[in-house]
Protein backbone atom coordinates (compact mmCIF):
# COMPACT_ATOMS: atom_id res chain seq x y z
CA ILE A 1 -3.84 30.59 20.04
CA LYS A 2 -6.38 30.42 17.28
CA PHE A 3 -6.31 31.62 13.70
CA SER A 4 -9.54 32.57 11.68
CA THR A 5 -10.21 33.92 8.37
CA GLY A 6 -13.80 34.88 7.16
CA GLY A 7 -14.89 34.06 10.57
CA VAL A 8 -13.82 30.22 10.35
CA GLU A 9 -11.31 28.99 12.47
CA ARG A 10 -8.53 27.78 10.30
CA MET A 11 -5.70 26.73 12.80
CA SER A 12 -5.25 26.53 16.54
CA ILE A 13 -2.13 25.80 18.73
CA THR A 14 -2.69 24.06 21.90
CA ASN A 15 -0.65 22.01 24.44
CA SER A 16 -1.31 19.02 22.18
CA GLY A 17 0.11 20.71 19.21
CA VAL A 18 -1.09 22.34 15.95
CA THR A 19 -4.60 21.23 14.54
CA GLY A 20 -6.26 22.10 11.40
CA ALA A 21 -2.88 23.18 9.90
CA GLY A 22 -4.11 23.89 6.25
CA GLY A 23 -5.02 21.78 3.32
CA GLY A 24 -2.36 20.13 1.19
CA LYS A 25 0.39 20.42 3.64
CA ILE A 26 2.34 17.35 4.64
CA LEU A 27 1.74 16.95 8.39
CA GLN A 28 3.47 13.45 8.94
CA VAL A 29 5.40 10.84 7.17
CA VAL A 30 5.74 7.17 8.34
CA SER A 31 7.32 4.24 6.29
CA THR A 32 8.10 0.81 6.26
CA THR A 33 11.09 -0.51 4.35
CA LEU A 34 11.33 -4.05 3.71
CA THR A 35 14.74 -5.39 2.77
CA SER A 36 14.29 -9.19 3.47
CA ALA A 37 13.11 -11.62 0.63
CA SER A 38 10.11 -13.79 1.18
CA THR A 39 8.30 -16.43 -0.89
CA GLY A 40 5.00 -18.33 -0.42
CA THR A 41 2.24 -19.94 -2.47
CA MET A 42 -0.85 -17.82 -3.41
CA SER A 43 -4.22 -18.85 -2.91
CA THR A 44 -7.93 -17.62 -3.92
CA ASN A 45 -9.20 -18.55 -0.70
CA GLY A 46 -7.43 -15.80 1.25
CA GLU A 47 -5.15 -12.92 0.88
CA ILE A 48 -1.68 -12.69 2.06
CA THR A 49 -0.32 -9.51 3.71
CA VAL A 50 3.08 -8.58 2.08
CA MET A 51 3.59 -5.29 3.94
CA SER A 52 1.97 -3.25 6.45
CA ARG A 53 2.31 -0.03 8.19
CA THR A 54 0.39 1.46 11.30
CA TYR A 55 -0.26 5.14 11.22
CA THR A 56 -1.90 7.59 13.56
CA PRO A 57 -3.37 10.52 12.02
CA THR A 58 -2.65 13.88 13.94
CA VAL A 59 -5.54 15.76 12.54
CA SER A 60 -9.24 14.31 12.42
CA SER A 61 -9.78 15.72 9.02
CA SER A 62 -6.50 14.88 7.17
CA ASN A 63 -6.29 12.64 4.28
CA ALA A 64 -3.58 9.92 3.66
CA LEU A 65 -1.57 9.70 0.52
CA ILE A 66 -0.19 5.87 0.32
CA GLN A 67 2.90 5.26 -1.93
CA VAL A 68 3.78 1.80 -2.54
CA SER A 69 6.98 0.50 -4.20
CA LEU A 70 7.14 -3.42 -4.42
CA HIS A 71 9.49 -5.78 -5.98
CA LEU A 72 7.55 -8.68 -7.01
CA ASP A 73 7.90 -11.85 -9.10
CA ILE A 74 5.48 -14.71 -9.69
CA ASN A 75 6.07 -18.36 -10.87
CA ASN A 76 2.70 -19.15 -12.25
CA ALA A 77 2.08 -20.31 -15.84
CA TYR A 78 -1.62 -20.39 -15.45
CA GLY A 79 -2.63 -17.04 -14.03
CA GLY A 80 -1.43 -13.99 -12.29
CA MET A 81 -1.94 -12.08 -8.98
CA PHE A 82 -3.82 -9.25 -7.70
CA LEU A 83 -2.69 -6.66 -5.23
CA ARG A 84 -5.24 -4.89 -2.76
CA LEU A 85 -4.65 -1.92 -0.46
CA LEU A 86 -6.49 -1.92 2.76
CA ARG A 87 -6.98 0.47 5.70
CA ASP A 88 -7.47 -2.14 8.48
CA SER A 89 -10.03 -4.45 6.84
CA THR A 90 -11.44 -1.88 4.33
CA VAL A 91 -10.31 -1.75 0.87
CA VAL A 92 -8.96 1.72 0.09
CA SER A 93 -9.44 1.78 -3.59
CA GLN A 94 -10.57 -0.75 -6.16
CA GLY A 95 -11.95 -1.33 -9.70
CA ASP A 96 -15.72 -1.23 -10.09
CA SER A 97 -17.66 -4.53 -9.74
CA ALA A 98 -18.61 -6.12 -12.98
CA GLY A 99 -20.30 -9.37 -13.26
CA ILE A 100 -18.09 -12.24 -11.91
CA ARG A 101 -14.67 -10.37 -12.41
CA ARG A 102 -12.56 -9.87 -9.02
CA GLN A 103 -11.99 -6.42 -7.91
CA CYS A 104 -8.31 -5.34 -6.90
CA THR A 105 -6.33 -2.15 -6.59
CA ILE A 106 -3.83 -3.14 -9.18
CA VAL A 107 -2.81 -5.96 -11.43
CA PRO A 108 0.97 -6.41 -11.41
CA ASP A 109 2.70 -6.21 -14.63
CA PHE A 110 5.29 -9.05 -15.38
CA SER A 111 5.31 -8.61 -19.06
CA ASN A 112 9.10 -7.49 -19.22
CA THR A 113 10.63 -9.92 -16.61
CA SER A 114 12.71 -12.77 -16.81
CA PHE A 115 13.47 -14.42 -13.59
CA GLY A 116 14.17 -11.00 -11.72
CA GLY A 117 10.79 -9.74 -11.08
CA ALA A 118 9.46 -6.24 -11.60
CA LEU A 119 8.89 -3.13 -9.55
CA GLN A 120 5.05 -2.68 -8.96
CA SER A 121 4.65 1.02 -7.72
CA PHE A 122 1.49 3.28 -7.22
CA THR A 123 0.16 6.06 -5.31
CA ILE A 124 -3.44 6.36 -3.75
CA LEU A 125 -5.03 9.18 -1.81
CA ASP A 126 -7.29 7.93 1.05
CA THR A 127 -9.97 10.51 1.82
CA ALA A 128 -12.00 8.27 4.00
CA ILE A 129 -10.21 8.82 7.25
CA SER A 130 -12.05 10.36 10.15
CA GLY A 131 -10.77 10.82 13.40
CA THR A 132 -7.13 10.20 15.00
CA SER A 133 -7.32 6.52 15.89
CA GLU A 134 -4.74 4.34 14.90
CA VAL A 135 -5.05 2.66 11.40
CA THR A 136 -3.11 0.09 9.61
CA TYR A 137 -2.33 0.14 5.81
CA LYS A 138 -1.86 -3.25 4.41
CA LEU A 139 -0.78 -4.39 0.96
CA ASN A 140 -2.30 -7.83 0.17
CA LEU A 141 -1.85 -10.23 -2.66
CA PHE A 142 -4.03 -12.90 -3.96
CA ASP A 143 -4.14 -15.51 -6.83
CA GLU A 144 -6.20 -14.76 -10.12
CA HIS A 145 -7.14 -18.38 -10.39
CA SER A 146 -6.83 -21.40 -8.08
CA SER A 147 -3.49 -22.70 -9.45
CA GLY A 148 -1.65 -21.63 -6.49
CA GLY A 149 1.47 -20.22 -7.99
CA ASP A 150 4.46 -18.94 -5.90
CA TYR A 151 5.26 -15.42 -5.24
CA TYR A 152 8.58 -13.74 -4.64
CA VAL A 153 8.97 -10.37 -2.88
CA ASN A 154 12.24 -8.55 -3.19
CA SER A 155 13.74 -11.62 -4.94
CA GLY A 156 13.49 -12.98 -8.51
CA ARG A 157 12.47 -16.77 -7.93
CA ASP A 158 14.99 -16.78 -5.11
CA THR A 159 17.44 -19.01 -6.53
CA ASN A 160 21.36 -18.60 -6.10
CA ASN A 161 22.16 -20.37 -9.41
CA ILE A 162 21.70 -17.42 -11.73
CA GLU A 163 23.46 -14.21 -11.12
CA TYR A 164 20.74 -11.93 -12.01
CA ASN A 165 18.27 -13.33 -9.37
CA LEU A 166 18.88 -10.06 -7.30
CA ARG A 167 17.76 -8.94 -3.90
CA SER A 168 16.02 -5.63 -3.77
CA VAL A 169 13.99 -3.31 -1.39
CA SER A 170 10.16 -2.45 -1.07
CA THR A 171 8.59 0.43 0.73
CA LEU A 172 5.08 1.26 1.89
CA THR A 173 4.89 5.16 2.77
CA VAL A 174 2.02 6.97 4.36
CA PHE A 175 1.98 10.88 4.07
CA GLU A 176 -0.44 12.62 6.35
CA VAL A 177 -1.84 15.49 4.14
CA GLY A 178 -3.95 18.30 5.65
CA ALA A 179 -7.39 18.51 4.31
């Protein structure tokens, strides 16, 4: 069954399902929820994948709206960290190049934290998808300087001797949006 307006096919229904289901409609939602705590040492030599989610678009012309909610803390008196969102090995969104400055998707804000970490959340629309092949969205972190500070996910400094070092949850959600 095919639907057209103005001589242009807008949607079809086949044995494989619906295609061209219309712009702006949510076609699929997939999400990863991270409840465990993790910690490690950052490095400027490589990025560390904190969360990832595999996703297969159902329509070749769709977009992906990626929503990240990450509880994060850092123990690094000499620098900070950057976060980068990737689709497979391609950066989805980052600031423009400027001299020797490093590019990233966001710089986490730890200004109002005290051993408890902070919620870092952002939403980005990925319009560069083409096809229906499986992709993996990854949230990577890396060190601002070469000082090698520690990072904490879902836990503030991960000690049991302070009652406000809580455990929390982080999510990475992909919404397939009809183009």
